[in-house]
Amino acid sequence: MKVEPEYLLSRLTTIGTGGPARAFARPESLSDLETALAWAAERKLAVRTVGLGSNLLAADDGVDALVLRLAGDLADVEIDGRLLRAGGGATNAVCLHRSRDAGLGGLEFACAIPGTAGVVCG
């Protein structure tokens, strides 16, 4: 997993605002996430996560933190019987379509909500 310094947050927001994050990474597995969190802890650096950036206003001054965008296994969506399991980086749209295709209900309210299923706090 690559940690990128001074990553412009404007690249992650739908309205294009935001200065640089001290560091940025896209962990794709639990191991990657643990590595990223340890990296930040060693540097006493706060950790922030972002989803799709649709409800995110990032300061033009940037943020003194490691910013994470969950991907890969951390954004997977699977159906297990009548249960939908979604990683924190899973998009609402993918969750909705997978649940619909499996004949599951209850997620219809999310059809017009952009974003991801959840985030991880560091």
PDB file of N, CA and C in Angstrom:
ATOM      1  N   MET A   1       0.840  -1.174   0.000  1.00  0.00           N
ATOM      2  CA  MET A   1       0.000   0.000   0.000  1.00  0.00           C
ATOM      3  C   MET A   1       0.889   1.243   0.000  1.00  0.00           C
ATOM      4  N   LYS A   2       0.558   2.162  -0.848  1.00  0.00           N
ATOM      5  CA  LYS A   2       1.333   3.395  -1.001  1.00  0.00           C
ATOM      6  C   LYS A   2       0.711   4.519  -0.169  1.00  0.00           C
ATOM      7  N   VAL A   3       1.536   5.234   0.571  1.00  0.00           N
ATOM      8  CA  VAL A   3       1.111   6.431   1.290  1.00  0.00           C
ATOM      9  C   VAL A   3       1.634   7.626   0.508  1.00  0.00           C
ATOM     10  N   GLU A   4       0.713   8.477   0.068  1.00  0.00           N
ATOM     11  CA  GLU A   4       1.087   9.637  -0.738  1.00  0.00           C
ATOM     12  C   GLU A   4       1.104  10.892   0.133  1.00  0.00           C
ATOM     13  N   PRO A   5       2.203  11.642   0.123  1.00  0.00           N
ATOM     14  CA  PRO A   5       2.253  12.886   0.906  1.00  0.00           C
ATOM     15  C   PRO A   5       1.555  14.033   0.174  1.00  0.00           C
ATOM     16  N   GLU A   6       1.054  14.987   0.963  1.00  0.00           N
ATOM     17  CA  GLU A   6       0.484  16.234   0.421  1.00  0.00           C
ATOM     18  C   GLU A   6      -0.520  15.978  -0.706  1.00  0.00           C
ATOM     19  N   TYR A   7      -1.459  15.111  -0.452  1.00  0.00           N
ATOM     20  CA  TYR A   7      -2.478  14.738  -1.434  1.00  0.00           C
ATOM     21  C   TYR A   7      -3.611  15.768  -1.407  1.00  0.00           C
ATOM     22  N   LEU A   8      -3.930  16.349  -2.546  1.00  0.00           N
ATOM     23  CA  LEU A   8      -4.959  17.383  -2.609  1.00  0.00           C
ATOM     24  C   LEU A   8      -6.346  16.785  -2.379  1.00  0.00           C
ATOM     25  N   LEU A   9      -7.009  17.233  -1.330  1.00  0.00           N
ATOM     26  CA  LEU A   9      -8.341  16.735  -1.010  1.00  0.00           C
ATOM     27  C   LEU A   9      -9.371  17.144  -2.055  1.00  0.00           C
ATOM     28  N   SER A  10      -9.081  18.183  -2.810  1.00  0.00           N
ATOM     29  CA  SER A  10      -9.998  18.605  -3.875  1.00  0.00           C
ATOM     30  C   SER A  10     -10.215  17.484  -4.894  1.00  0.00           C
ATOM     31  N   ARG A  11      -9.287  16.541  -4.973  1.00  0.00           N
ATOM     32  CA  ARG A  11      -9.424  15.399  -5.880  1.00  0.00           C
ATOM     33  C   ARG A  11     -10.475  14.410  -5.370  1.00  0.00           C
ATOM     34  N   LEU A  12     -10.878  14.542  -4.099  1.00  0.00           N
ATOM     35  CA  LEU A  12     -11.797  13.593  -3.480  1.00  0.00           C
ATOM     36  C   LEU A  12     -13.187  14.148  -3.219  1.00  0.00           C
ATOM     37  N   THR A  13     -13.393  15.429  -3.460  1.00  0.00           N
ATOM     38  CA  THR A  13     -14.691  16.038  -3.179  1.00  0.00           C
ATOM     39  C   THR A  13     -15.415  16.342  -4.483  1.00  0.00           C
ATOM     40  N   THR A  14     -16.734  16.176  -4.468  1.00  0.00           N
ATOM     41  CA  THR A  14     -17.480  16.395  -5.706  1.00  0.00           C
ATOM     42  C   THR A  14     -17.509  17.860  -6.121  1.00  0.00           C
ATOM     43  N   ILE A  15     -17.362  18.782  -5.161  1.00  0.00           N
ATOM     44  CA  ILE A  15     -17.364  20.198  -5.548  1.00  0.00           C
ATOM     45  C   ILE A  15     -15.948  20.743  -5.742  1.00  0.00           C
ATOM     46  N   GLY A  16     -14.950  19.899  -5.548  1.00  0.00           N
ATOM     47  CA  GLY A  16     -13.571  20.280  -5.862  1.00  0.00           C
ATOM     48  C   GLY A  16     -12.896  21.199  -4.870  1.00  0.00           C
ATOM     49  N   THR A  17     -13.320  21.185  -3.597  1.00  0.00           N
ATOM     50  CA  THR A  17     -12.646  22.005  -2.604  1.00  0.00           C
ATOM     51  C   THR A  17     -11.675  21.159  -1.795  1.00  0.00           C
ATOM     52  N   GLY A  18     -10.705  21.807  -1.215  1.00  0.00           N
ATOM     53  CA  GLY A  18      -9.817  21.125  -0.281  1.00  0.00           C
ATOM     54  C   GLY A  18      -8.356  21.224  -0.633  1.00  0.00           C
ATOM     55  N   GLY A  19      -7.595  21.605   0.373  1.00  0.00           N
ATOM     56  CA  GLY A  19      -6.147  21.663   0.245  1.00  0.00           C
ATOM     57  C   GLY A  19      -5.537  20.301   0.514  1.00  0.00           C
ATOM     58  N   PRO A  20      -4.243  20.269   0.793  1.00  0.00           N
ATOM     59  CA  PRO A  20      -3.556  18.989   0.932  1.00  0.00           C
ATOM     60  C   PRO A  20      -3.770  18.303   2.284  1.00  0.00           C
ATOM     61  N   ALA A  21      -3.900  17.000   2.231  1.00  0.00           N
ATOM     62  CA  ALA A  21      -3.825  16.176   3.438  1.00  0.00           C
ATOM     63  C   ALA A  21      -2.350  15.889   3.650  1.00  0.00           C
ATOM     64  N   ARG A  22      -1.931  15.793   4.888  1.00  0.00           N
ATOM     65  CA  ARG A  22      -0.519  15.474   5.159  1.00  0.00           C
ATOM     66  C   ARG A  22      -0.130  14.191   4.435  1.00  0.00           C
ATOM     67  N   ALA A  23      -1.056  13.187   4.441  1.00  0.00           N
ATOM     68  CA  ALA A  23      -0.796  11.923   3.754  1.00  0.00           C
ATOM     69  C   ALA A  23      -2.130  11.308   3.343  1.00  0.00           C
ATOM     70  N   PHE A  24      -2.083  10.431   2.354  1.00  0.00           N
ATOM     71  CA  PHE A  24      -3.274   9.784   1.824  1.00  0.00           C
ATOM     72  C   PHE A  24      -2.938   8.354   1.451  1.00  0.00           C
ATOM     73  N   ALA A  25      -3.889   7.445   1.693  1.00  0.00           N
ATOM     74  CA  ALA A  25      -3.705   6.048   1.310  1.00  0.00           C
ATOM     75  C   ALA A  25      -5.047   5.424   0.970  1.00  0.00           C
ATOM     76  N   ARG A  26      -4.999   4.389   0.130  1.00  0.00           N
ATOM     77  CA  ARG A  26      -6.185   3.612  -0.243  1.00  0.00           C
ATOM     78  C   ARG A  26      -5.991   2.167   0.197  1.00  0.00           C
ATOM     79  N   PRO A  27      -6.224   1.870   1.468  1.00  0.00           N
ATOM     80  CA  PRO A  27      -6.084   0.481   1.907  1.00  0.00           C
ATOM     81  C   PRO A  27      -7.128  -0.400   1.224  1.00  0.00           C
ATOM     82  N   GLU A  28      -6.689  -1.582   0.769  1.00  0.00           N
ATOM     83  CA  GLU A  28      -7.580  -2.497   0.067  1.00  0.00           C
ATOM     84  C   GLU A  28      -7.846  -3.780   0.840  1.00  0.00           C
ATOM     85  N   SER A  29      -7.238  -3.926   2.004  1.00  0.00           N
ATOM     86  CA  SER A  29      -7.423  -5.122   2.811  1.00  0.00           C
ATOM     87  C   SER A  29      -7.296  -4.735   4.286  1.00  0.00           C
ATOM     88  N   LEU A  30      -7.703  -5.639   5.146  1.00  0.00           N
ATOM     89  CA  LEU A  30      -7.559  -5.392   6.576  1.00  0.00           C
ATOM     90  C   LEU A  30      -6.090  -5.209   6.936  1.00  0.00           C
ATOM     91  N   SER A  31      -5.226  -5.985   6.313  1.00  0.00           N
ATOM     92  CA  SER A  31      -3.787  -5.855   6.549  1.00  0.00           C
ATOM     93  C   SER A  31      -3.281  -4.469   6.139  1.00  0.00           C
ATOM     94  N   ASP A  32      -3.728  -3.989   4.976  1.00  0.00           N
ATOM     95  CA  ASP A  32      -3.367  -2.634   4.528  1.00  0.00           C
ATOM     96  C   ASP A  32      -3.849  -1.586   5.525  1.00  0.00           C
ATOM     97  N   LEU A  33      -5.074  -1.763   5.997  1.00  0.00           N
ATOM     98  CA  LEU A  33      -5.637  -0.810   6.943  1.00  0.00           C
ATOM     99  C   LEU A  33      -4.842  -0.796   8.242  1.00  0.00           C
ATOM    100  N   GLU A  34      -4.490  -1.974   8.737  1.00  0.00           N
ATOM    101  CA  GLU A  34      -3.682  -2.053   9.957  1.00  0.00           C
ATOM    102  C   GLU A  34      -2.329  -1.383   9.754  1.00  0.00           C
ATOM    103  N   THR A  35      -1.729  -1.590   8.588  1.00  0.00           N
ATOM    104  CA  THR A  35      -0.444  -0.960   8.269  1.00  0.00           C
ATOM    105  C   THR A  35      -0.584   0.561   8.245  1.00  0.00           C
ATOM    106  N   ALA A  36      -1.646   1.056   7.619  1.00  0.00           N
ATOM    107  CA  ALA A  36      -1.870   2.502   7.539  1.00  0.00           C
ATOM    108  C   ALA A  36      -2.079   3.104   8.921  1.00  0.00           C
ATOM    109  N   LEU A  37      -2.867   2.437   9.750  1.00  0.00           N
ATOM    110  CA  LEU A  37      -3.122   2.947  11.097  1.00  0.00           C
ATOM    111  C   LEU A  37      -1.856   2.936  11.940  1.00  0.00           C
ATOM    112  N   ALA A  38      -1.038   1.905  11.786  1.00  0.00           N
ATOM    113  CA  ALA A  38       0.240   1.849  12.512  1.00  0.00           C
ATOM    114  C   ALA A  38       1.167   2.960  12.027  1.00  0.00           C
ATOM    115  N   TRP A  39       1.200   3.187  10.727  1.00  0.00           N
ATOM    116  CA  TRP A  39       2.025   4.254  10.138  1.00  0.00           C
ATOM    117  C   TRP A  39       1.639   5.598  10.764  1.00  0.00           C
ATOM    118  N   ALA A  40       0.326   5.860  10.837  1.00  0.00           N
ATOM    119  CA  ALA A  40      -0.143   7.115  11.417  1.00  0.00           C
ATOM    120  C   ALA A  40       0.177   7.194  12.909  1.00  0.00           C
ATOM    121  N   ALA A  41       0.004   6.104  13.626  1.00  0.00           N
ATOM    122  CA  ALA A  41       0.272   6.089  15.072  1.00  0.00           C
ATOM    123  C   ALA A  41       1.738   6.371  15.361  1.00  0.00           C
ATOM    124  N   GLU A  42       2.627   5.807  14.555  1.00  0.00           N
ATOM    125  CA  GLU A  42       4.065   6.049  14.737  1.00  0.00           C
ATOM    126  C   GLU A  42       4.401   7.527  14.604  1.00  0.00           C
ATOM    127  N   ARG A  43       3.628   8.230  13.804  1.00  0.00           N
ATOM    128  CA  ARG A  43       3.875   9.651  13.553  1.00  0.00           C
ATOM    129  C   ARG A  43       2.951  10.550  14.370  1.00  0.00           C
ATOM    130  N   LYS A  44       2.161   9.930  15.268  1.00  0.00           N
ATOM    131  CA  LYS A  44       1.184  10.669  16.072  1.00  0.00           C
ATOM    132  C   LYS A  44       0.285  11.535  15.195  1.00  0.00           C
ATOM    133  N   LEU A  45      -0.144  10.942  14.083  1.00  0.00           N
ATOM    134  CA  LEU A  45      -0.939  11.636  13.081  1.00  0.00           C
ATOM    135  C   LEU A  45      -2.393  11.167  13.175  1.00  0.00           C
ATOM    136  N   ALA A  46      -3.304  12.108  13.176  1.00  0.00           N
ATOM    137  CA  ALA A  46      -4.731  11.773  13.172  1.00  0.00           C
ATOM    138  C   ALA A  46      -5.070  11.022  11.892  1.00  0.00           C
ATOM    139  N   VAL A  47      -6.157  10.264  11.942  1.00  0.00           N
ATOM    140  CA  VAL A  47      -6.632   9.521  10.782  1.00  0.00           C
ATOM    141  C   VAL A  47      -8.055   9.960  10.481  1.00  0.00           C
ATOM    142  N   ARG A  48      -8.331  10.240   9.230  1.00  0.00           N
ATOM    143  CA  ARG A  48      -9.668  10.605   8.770  1.00  0.00           C
ATOM    144  C   ARG A  48      -9.980   9.730   7.561  1.00  0.00           C
ATOM    145  N   THR A  49     -11.257   9.424   7.382  1.00  0.00           N
ATOM    146  CA  THR A  49     -11.659   8.648   6.212  1.00  0.00           C
ATOM    147  C   THR A  49     -12.611   9.465   5.359  1.00  0.00           C
ATOM    148  N   VAL A  50     -12.615   9.150   4.078  1.00  0.00           N
ATOM    149  CA  VAL A  50     -13.551   9.778   3.153  1.00  0.00           C
ATOM    150  C   VAL A  50     -14.241   8.682   2.359  1.00  0.00           C
ATOM    151  N   GLY A  51     -15.461   8.984   1.970  1.00  0.00           N
ATOM    152  CA  GLY A  51     -16.205   8.088   1.098  1.00  0.00           C
ATOM    153  C   GLY A  51     -16.102   8.593  -0.327  1.00  0.00           C
ATOM    154  N   LEU A  52     -17.242   8.915  -0.918  1.00  0.00           N
ATOM    155  CA  LEU A  52     -17.250   9.396  -2.299  1.00  0.00           C
ATOM    156  C   LEU A  52     -17.077  10.901  -2.399  1.00  0.00           C
ATOM    157  N   GLY A  53     -17.068  11.597  -1.270  1.00  0.00           N
ATOM    158  CA  GLY A  53     -16.818  13.036  -1.274  1.00  0.00           C
ATOM    159  C   GLY A  53     -18.020  13.894  -1.604  1.00  0.00           C
ATOM    160  N   SER A  54     -19.218  13.296  -1.659  1.00  0.00           N
ATOM    161  CA  SER A  54     -20.399  14.070  -2.041  1.00  0.00           C
ATOM    162  C   SER A  54     -20.895  14.983  -0.922  1.00  0.00           C
ATOM    163  N   ASN A  55     -20.628  14.646   0.300  1.00  0.00           N
ATOM    164  CA  ASN A  55     -21.050  15.474   1.436  1.00  0.00           C
ATOM    165  C   ASN A  55     -19.838  15.979   2.204  1.00  0.00           C
ATOM    166  N   LEU A  56     -18.768  16.227   1.506  1.00  0.00           N
ATOM    167  CA  LEU A  56     -17.516  16.597   2.145  1.00  0.00           C
ATOM    168  C   LEU A  56     -17.070  17.985   1.706  1.00  0.00           C
ATOM    169  N   LEU A  57     -16.897  18.847   2.684  1.00  0.00           N
ATOM    170  CA  LEU A  57     -16.286  20.148   2.449  1.00  0.00           C
ATOM    171  C   LEU A  57     -14.933  20.120   3.134  1.00  0.00           C
ATOM    172  N   ALA A  58     -13.889  20.097   2.363  1.00  0.00           N
ATOM    173  CA  ALA A  58     -12.537  20.050   2.910  1.00  0.00           C
ATOM    174  C   ALA A  58     -11.950  21.455   2.904  1.00  0.00           C
ATOM    175  N   ALA A  59     -11.280  21.790   3.989  1.00  0.00           N
ATOM    176  CA  ALA A  59     -10.688  23.125   4.116  1.00  0.00           C
ATOM    177  C   ALA A  59      -9.608  23.347   3.067  1.00  0.00           C
ATOM    178  N   ASP A  60      -9.579  24.550   2.526  1.00  0.00           N
ATOM    179  CA  ASP A  60      -8.542  24.891   1.555  1.00  0.00           C
ATOM    180  C   ASP A  60      -7.145  24.853   2.175  1.00  0.00           C
ATOM    181  N   ASP A  61      -7.083  25.010   3.506  1.00  0.00           N
ATOM    182  CA  ASP A  61      -5.803  24.920   4.210  1.00  0.00           C
ATOM    183  C   ASP A  61      -5.320  23.477   4.324  1.00  0.00           C
ATOM    184  N   GLY A  62      -6.200  22.522   4.022  1.00  0.00           N
ATOM    185  CA  GLY A  62      -5.844  21.109   4.111  1.00  0.00           C
ATOM    186  C   GLY A  62      -6.092  20.556   5.503  1.00  0.00           C
ATOM    187  N   VAL A  63      -5.568  19.366   5.736  1.00  0.00           N
ATOM    188  CA  VAL A  63      -5.775  18.694   7.011  1.00  0.00           C
ATOM    189  C   VAL A  63      -4.479  17.989   7.415  1.00  0.00           C
ATOM    190  N   ASP A  64      -4.148  18.129   8.681  1.00  0.00           N
ATOM    191  CA  ASP A  64      -2.937  17.504   9.207  1.00  0.00           C
ATOM    192  C   ASP A  64      -3.287  16.097   9.689  1.00  0.00           C
ATOM    193  N   ALA A  65      -3.492  15.198   8.734  1.00  0.00           N
ATOM    194  CA  ALA A  65      -3.922  13.843   9.054  1.00  0.00           C
ATOM    195  C   ALA A  65      -3.578  12.906   7.903  1.00  0.00           C
ATOM    196  N   LEU A  66      -3.636  11.620   8.212  1.00  0.00           N
ATOM    197  CA  LEU A  66      -3.612  10.598   7.174  1.00  0.00           C
ATOM    198  C   LEU A  66      -5.067  10.408   6.762  1.00  0.00           C
ATOM    199  N   VAL A  67      -5.367  10.656   5.503  1.00  0.00           N
ATOM    200  CA  VAL A  67      -6.720  10.486   4.985  1.00  0.00           C
ATOM    201  C   VAL A  67      -6.780   9.159   4.253  1.00  0.00           C
ATOM    202  N   LEU A  68      -7.802   8.372   4.575  1.00  0.00           N
ATOM    203  CA  LEU A  68      -7.975   7.051   3.980  1.00  0.00           C
ATOM    204  C   LEU A  68      -9.228   7.012   3.120  1.00  0.00           C
ATOM    205  N   ARG A  69      -9.124   6.326   1.998  1.00  0.00           N
ATOM    206  CA  ARG A  69     -10.295   5.999   1.179  1.00  0.00           C
ATOM    207  C   ARG A  69     -10.282   4.484   1.023  1.00  0.00           C
ATOM    208  N   LEU A  70     -11.249   3.834   1.647  1.00  0.00           N
ATOM    209  CA  LEU A  70     -11.291   2.377   1.664  1.00  0.00           C
ATOM    210  C   LEU A  70     -11.633   1.837   0.277  1.00  0.00           C
ATOM    211  N   ALA A  71     -10.918   0.791  -0.131  1.00  0.00           N
ATOM    212  CA  ALA A  71     -11.093   0.211  -1.458  1.00  0.00           C
ATOM    213  C   ALA A  71     -10.946  -1.310  -1.367  1.00  0.00           C
ATOM    214  N   GLY A  72     -10.963  -1.966  -2.503  1.00  0.00           N
ATOM    215  CA  GLY A  72     -10.730  -3.407  -2.558  1.00  0.00           C
ATOM    216  C   GLY A  72     -11.653  -4.197  -1.652  1.00  0.00           C
ATOM    217  N   ASP A  73     -11.074  -5.103  -0.849  1.00  0.00           N
ATOM    218  CA  ASP A  73     -11.852  -5.934   0.077  1.00  0.00           C
ATOM    219  C   ASP A  73     -12.643  -5.089   1.065  1.00  0.00           C
ATOM    220  N   LEU A  74     -12.155  -3.897   1.383  1.00  0.00           N
ATOM    221  CA  LEU A  74     -12.821  -3.029   2.348  1.00  0.00           C
ATOM    222  C   LEU A  74     -14.034  -2.313   1.755  1.00  0.00           C
ATOM    223  N   ALA A  75     -14.267  -2.519   0.459  1.00  0.00           N
ATOM    224  CA  ALA A  75     -15.434  -1.952  -0.211  1.00  0.00           C
ATOM    225  C   ALA A  75     -16.310  -3.051  -0.811  1.00  0.00           C
ATOM    226  N   ASP A  76     -16.025  -4.310  -0.479  1.00  0.00           N
ATOM    227  CA  ASP A  76     -16.793  -5.434  -1.009  1.00  0.00           C
ATOM    228  C   ASP A  76     -18.201  -5.467  -0.440  1.00  0.00           C
ATOM    229  N   VAL A  77     -19.091  -6.019  -1.233  1.00  0.00           N
ATOM    230  CA  VAL A  77     -20.474  -6.240  -0.822  1.00  0.00           C
ATOM    231  C   VAL A  77     -20.808  -7.683  -1.145  1.00  0.00           C
ATOM    232  N   GLU A  78     -21.349  -8.388  -0.171  1.00  0.00           N
ATOM    233  CA  GLU A  78     -21.743  -9.774  -0.420  1.00  0.00           C
ATOM    234  C   GLU A  78     -23.091 -10.044   0.240  1.00  0.00           C
ATOM    235  N   ILE A  79     -23.795 -10.990  -0.340  1.00  0.00           N
ATOM    236  CA  ILE A  79     -25.077 -11.439   0.198  1.00  0.00           C
ATOM    237  C   ILE A  79     -24.857 -12.808   0.814  1.00  0.00           C
ATOM    238  N   ASP A  80     -25.341 -12.963   2.048  1.00  0.00           N
ATOM    239  CA  ASP A  80     -25.270 -14.241   2.754  1.00  0.00           C
ATOM    240  C   ASP A  80     -26.684 -14.559   3.229  1.00  0.00           C
ATOM    241  N   GLY A  81     -27.401 -15.303   2.414  1.00  0.00           N
ATOM    242  CA  GLY A  81     -28.799 -15.586   2.724  1.00  0.00           C
ATOM    243  C   GLY A  81     -29.617 -14.311   2.676  1.00  0.00           C
ATOM    244  N   ARG A  82     -30.152 -13.896   3.810  1.00  0.00           N
ATOM    245  CA  ARG A  82     -30.937 -12.665   3.874  1.00  0.00           C
ATOM    246  C   ARG A  82     -30.155 -11.522   4.512  1.00  0.00           C
ATOM    247  N   LEU A  83     -28.837 -11.677   4.529  1.00  0.00           N
ATOM    248  CA  LEU A  83     -27.960 -10.686   5.145  1.00  0.00           C
ATOM    249  C   LEU A  83     -27.040 -10.075   4.094  1.00  0.00           C
ATOM    250  N   LEU A  84     -26.965  -8.757   4.085  1.00  0.00           N
ATOM    251  CA  LEU A  84     -26.032  -8.042   3.212  1.00  0.00           C
ATOM    252  C   LEU A  84     -24.849  -7.614   4.074  1.00  0.00           C
ATOM    253  N   ARG A  85     -23.648  -7.981   3.654  1.00  0.00           N
ATOM    254  CA  ARG A  85     -22.431  -7.552   4.351  1.00  0.00           C
ATOM    255  C   ARG A  85     -21.688  -6.588   3.434  1.00  0.00           C
ATOM    256  N   ALA A  86     -21.361  -5.430   3.990  1.00  0.00           N
ATOM    257  CA  ALA A  86     -20.714  -4.399   3.187  1.00  0.00           C
ATOM    258  C   ALA A  86     -19.537  -3.811   3.945  1.00  0.00           C
ATOM    259  N   GLY A  87     -18.421  -3.662   3.255  1.00  0.00           N
ATOM    260  CA  GLY A  87     -17.273  -2.982   3.832  1.00  0.00           C
ATOM    261  C   GLY A  87     -17.554  -1.495   3.943  1.00  0.00           C
ATOM    262  N   GLY A  88     -16.795  -0.815   4.768  1.00  0.00           N
ATOM    263  CA  GLY A  88     -16.984   0.610   4.988  1.00  0.00           C
ATOM    264  C   GLY A  88     -16.841   1.455   3.738  1.00  0.00           C
ATOM    265  N   GLY A  89     -16.137   0.964   2.743  1.00  0.00           N
ATOM    266  CA  GLY A  89     -15.961   1.705   1.503  1.00  0.00           C
ATOM    267  C   GLY A  89     -16.959   1.342   0.422  1.00  0.00           C
ATOM    268  N   ALA A  90     -17.911   0.453   0.726  1.00  0.00           N
ATOM    269  CA  ALA A  90     -18.907   0.038  -0.261  1.00  0.00           C
ATOM    270  C   ALA A  90     -19.845   1.194  -0.582  1.00  0.00           C
ATOM    271  N   THR A  91     -20.130   1.386  -1.842  1.00  0.00           N
ATOM    272  CA  THR A  91     -21.044   2.464  -2.212  1.00  0.00           C
ATOM    273  C   THR A  91     -22.480   2.065  -1.921  1.00  0.00           C
ATOM    274  N   ASN A  92     -23.270   3.065  -1.564  1.00  0.00           N
ATOM    275  CA  ASN A  92     -24.694   2.819  -1.324  1.00  0.00           C
ATOM    276  C   ASN A  92     -25.347   2.203  -2.554  1.00  0.00           C
ATOM    277  N   ALA A  93     -24.960   2.663  -3.734  1.00  0.00           N
ATOM    278  CA  ALA A  93     -25.562   2.153  -4.964  1.00  0.00           C
ATOM    279  C   ALA A  93     -25.297   0.656  -5.143  1.00  0.00           C
ATOM    280  N   VAL A  94     -24.084   0.221  -4.903  1.00  0.00           N
ATOM    281  CA  VAL A  94     -23.766  -1.204  -5.029  1.00  0.00           C
ATOM    282  C   VAL A  94     -24.543  -2.002  -3.988  1.00  0.00           C
ATOM    283  N   CYS A  95     -24.605  -1.506  -2.758  1.00  0.00           N
ATOM    284  CA  CYS A  95     -25.376  -2.189  -1.711  1.00  0.00           C
ATOM    285  C   CYS A  95     -26.838  -2.322  -2.124  1.00  0.00           C
ATOM    286  N   LEU A  96     -27.400  -1.252  -2.635  1.00  0.00           N
ATOM    287  CA  LEU A  96     -28.797  -1.247  -3.046  1.00  0.00           C
ATOM    288  C   LEU A  96     -29.050  -2.252  -4.169  1.00  0.00           C
ATOM    289  N   HIS A  97     -28.209  -2.242  -5.198  1.00  0.00           N
ATOM    290  CA  HIS A  97     -28.406  -3.148  -6.335  1.00  0.00           C
ATOM    291  C   HIS A  97     -28.221  -4.610  -5.939  1.00  0.00           C
ATOM    292  N   ARG A  98     -27.224  -4.884  -5.116  1.00  0.00           N
ATOM    293  CA  ARG A  98     -27.011  -6.271  -4.676  1.00  0.00           C
ATOM    294  C   ARG A  98     -28.179  -6.761  -3.828  1.00  0.00           C
ATOM    295  N   SER A  99     -28.684  -5.909  -2.941  1.00  0.00           N
ATOM    296  CA  SER A  99     -29.812  -6.328  -2.105  1.00  0.00           C
ATOM    297  C   SER A  99     -31.068  -6.515  -2.953  1.00  0.00           C
ATOM    298  N   ARG A 100     -31.294  -5.623  -3.889  1.00  0.00           N
ATOM    299  CA  ARG A 100     -32.454  -5.754  -4.784  1.00  0.00           C
ATOM    300  C   ARG A 100     -32.380  -7.043  -5.590  1.00  0.00           C
ATOM    301  N   ASP A 101     -31.187  -7.322  -6.160  1.00  0.00           N
ATOM    302  CA  ASP A 101     -31.017  -8.531  -6.967  1.00  0.00           C
ATOM    303  C   ASP A 101     -31.220  -9.807  -6.148  1.00  0.00           C
ATOM    304  N   ALA A 102     -30.973  -9.723  -4.845  1.00  0.00           N
ATOM    305  CA  ALA A 102     -31.147 -10.878  -3.959  1.00  0.00           C
ATOM    306  C   ALA A 102     -32.555 -10.942  -3.374  1.00  0.00           C
ATOM    307  N   GLY A 103     -33.408  -9.987  -3.766  1.00  0.00           N
ATOM    308  CA  GLY A 103     -34.775  -9.975  -3.265  1.00  0.00           C
ATOM    309  C   GLY A 103     -34.907  -9.474  -1.837  1.00  0.00           C
ATOM    310  N   LEU A 104     -33.924  -8.732  -1.395  1.00  0.00           N
ATOM    311  CA  LEU A 104     -33.953  -8.177  -0.038  1.00  0.00           C
ATOM    312  C   LEU A 104     -34.511  -6.757  -0.084  1.00  0.00           C
ATOM    313  N   GLY A 105     -35.246  -6.392   0.930  1.00  0.00           N
ATOM    314  CA  GLY A 105     -35.819  -5.054   1.010  1.00  0.00           C
ATOM    315  C   GLY A 105     -35.278  -4.312   2.215  1.00  0.00           C
ATOM    316  N   GLY A 106     -35.656  -3.051   2.303  1.00  0.00           N
ATOM    317  CA  GLY A 106     -35.281  -2.246   3.448  1.00  0.00           C
ATOM    318  C   GLY A 106     -34.214  -1.210   3.171  1.00  0.00           C
ATOM    319  N   LEU A 107     -33.577  -1.285   2.024  1.00  0.00           N
ATOM    320  CA  LEU A 107     -32.520  -0.325   1.704  1.00  0.00           C
ATOM    321  C   LEU A 107     -32.975   0.680   0.643  1.00  0.00           C
ATOM    322  N   GLU A 108     -34.251   0.607   0.289  1.00  0.00           N
ATOM    323  CA  GLU A 108     -34.763   1.474  -0.774  1.00  0.00           C
ATOM    324  C   GLU A 108     -34.554   2.952  -0.480  1.00  0.00           C
ATOM    325  N   PHE A 109     -34.616   3.327   0.794  1.00  0.00           N
ATOM    326  CA  PHE A 109     -34.450   4.739   1.165  1.00  0.00           C
ATOM    327  C   PHE A 109     -33.127   5.306   0.680  1.00  0.00           C
ATOM    328  N   ALA A 110     -32.132   4.460   0.453  1.00  0.00           N
ATOM    329  CA  ALA A 110     -30.793   4.914   0.093  1.00  0.00           C
ATOM    330  C   ALA A 110     -30.608   5.124  -1.404  1.00  0.00           C
ATOM    331  N   CYS A 111     -31.668   4.912  -2.186  1.00  0.00           N
ATOM    332  CA  CYS A 111     -31.496   4.949  -3.646  1.00  0.00           C
ATOM    333  C   CYS A 111     -31.018   6.307  -4.163  1.00  0.00           C
ATOM    334  N   ALA A 112     -31.310   7.380  -3.476  1.00  0.00           N
ATOM    335  CA  ALA A 112     -30.894   8.703  -3.947  1.00  0.00           C
ATOM    336  C   ALA A 112     -29.805   9.320  -3.068  1.00  0.00           C
ATOM    337  N   ILE A 113     -29.240   8.524  -2.176  1.00  0.00           N
ATOM    338  CA  ILE A 113     -28.222   9.050  -1.290  1.00  0.00           C
ATOM    339  C   ILE A 113     -26.854   8.630  -1.806  1.00  0.00           C
ATOM    340  N   PRO A 114     -26.060   9.585  -2.296  1.00  0.00           N
ATOM    341  CA  PRO A 114     -24.718   9.217  -2.728  1.00  0.00           C
ATOM    342  C   PRO A 114     -23.865   8.940  -1.493  1.00  0.00           C
ATOM    343  N   GLY A 115     -22.866   8.147  -1.656  1.00  0.00           N
ATOM    344  CA  GLY A 115     -21.952   7.916  -0.540  1.00  0.00           C
ATOM    345  C   GLY A 115     -21.588   6.468  -0.378  1.00  0.00           C
ATOM    346  N   THR A 116     -20.991   6.179   0.766  1.00  0.00           N
ATOM    347  CA  THR A 116     -20.529   4.836   1.069  1.00  0.00           C
ATOM    348  C   THR A 116     -21.243   4.304   2.297  1.00  0.00           C
ATOM    349  N   ALA A 117     -21.087   3.003   2.513  1.00  0.00           N
ATOM    350  CA  ALA A 117     -21.791   2.336   3.597  1.00  0.00           C
ATOM    351  C   ALA A 117     -21.350   2.821   4.962  1.00  0.00           C
ATOM    352  N   GLY A 118     -20.094   3.154   5.118  1.00  0.00           N
ATOM    353  CA  GLY A 118     -19.614   3.580   6.421  1.00  0.00           C
ATOM    354  C   GLY A 118     -18.144   3.928   6.372  1.00  0.00           C
ATOM    355  N   VAL A 119     -17.610   4.253   7.514  1.00  0.00           N
ATOM    356  CA  VAL A 119     -16.199   4.617   7.599  1.00  0.00           C
ATOM    357  C   VAL A 119     -15.579   3.960   8.818  1.00  0.00           C
ATOM    358  N   VAL A 120     -14.280   3.967   8.847  1.00  0.00           N
ATOM    359  CA  VAL A 120     -13.523   3.423   9.977  1.00  0.00           C
ATOM    360  C   VAL A 120     -12.867   4.594  10.697  1.00  0.00           C
ATOM    361  N   CYS A 121     -12.947   4.603  11.996  1.00  0.00           N
ATOM    362  CA  CYS A 121     -12.313   5.663  12.774  1.00  0.00           C
ATOM    363  C   CYS A 121     -10.941   5.194  13.251  1.00  0.00           C
ATOM    364  N   GLY A 122      -9.960   6.056  13.180  1.00  0.00           N
ATOM    365  CA  GLY A 122      -8.611   5.697  13.595  1.00  0.00           C
ATOM    366  C   GLY A 122      -8.257   6.249  14.939  1.00  0.00           C
TER     367      GLY A 122
END
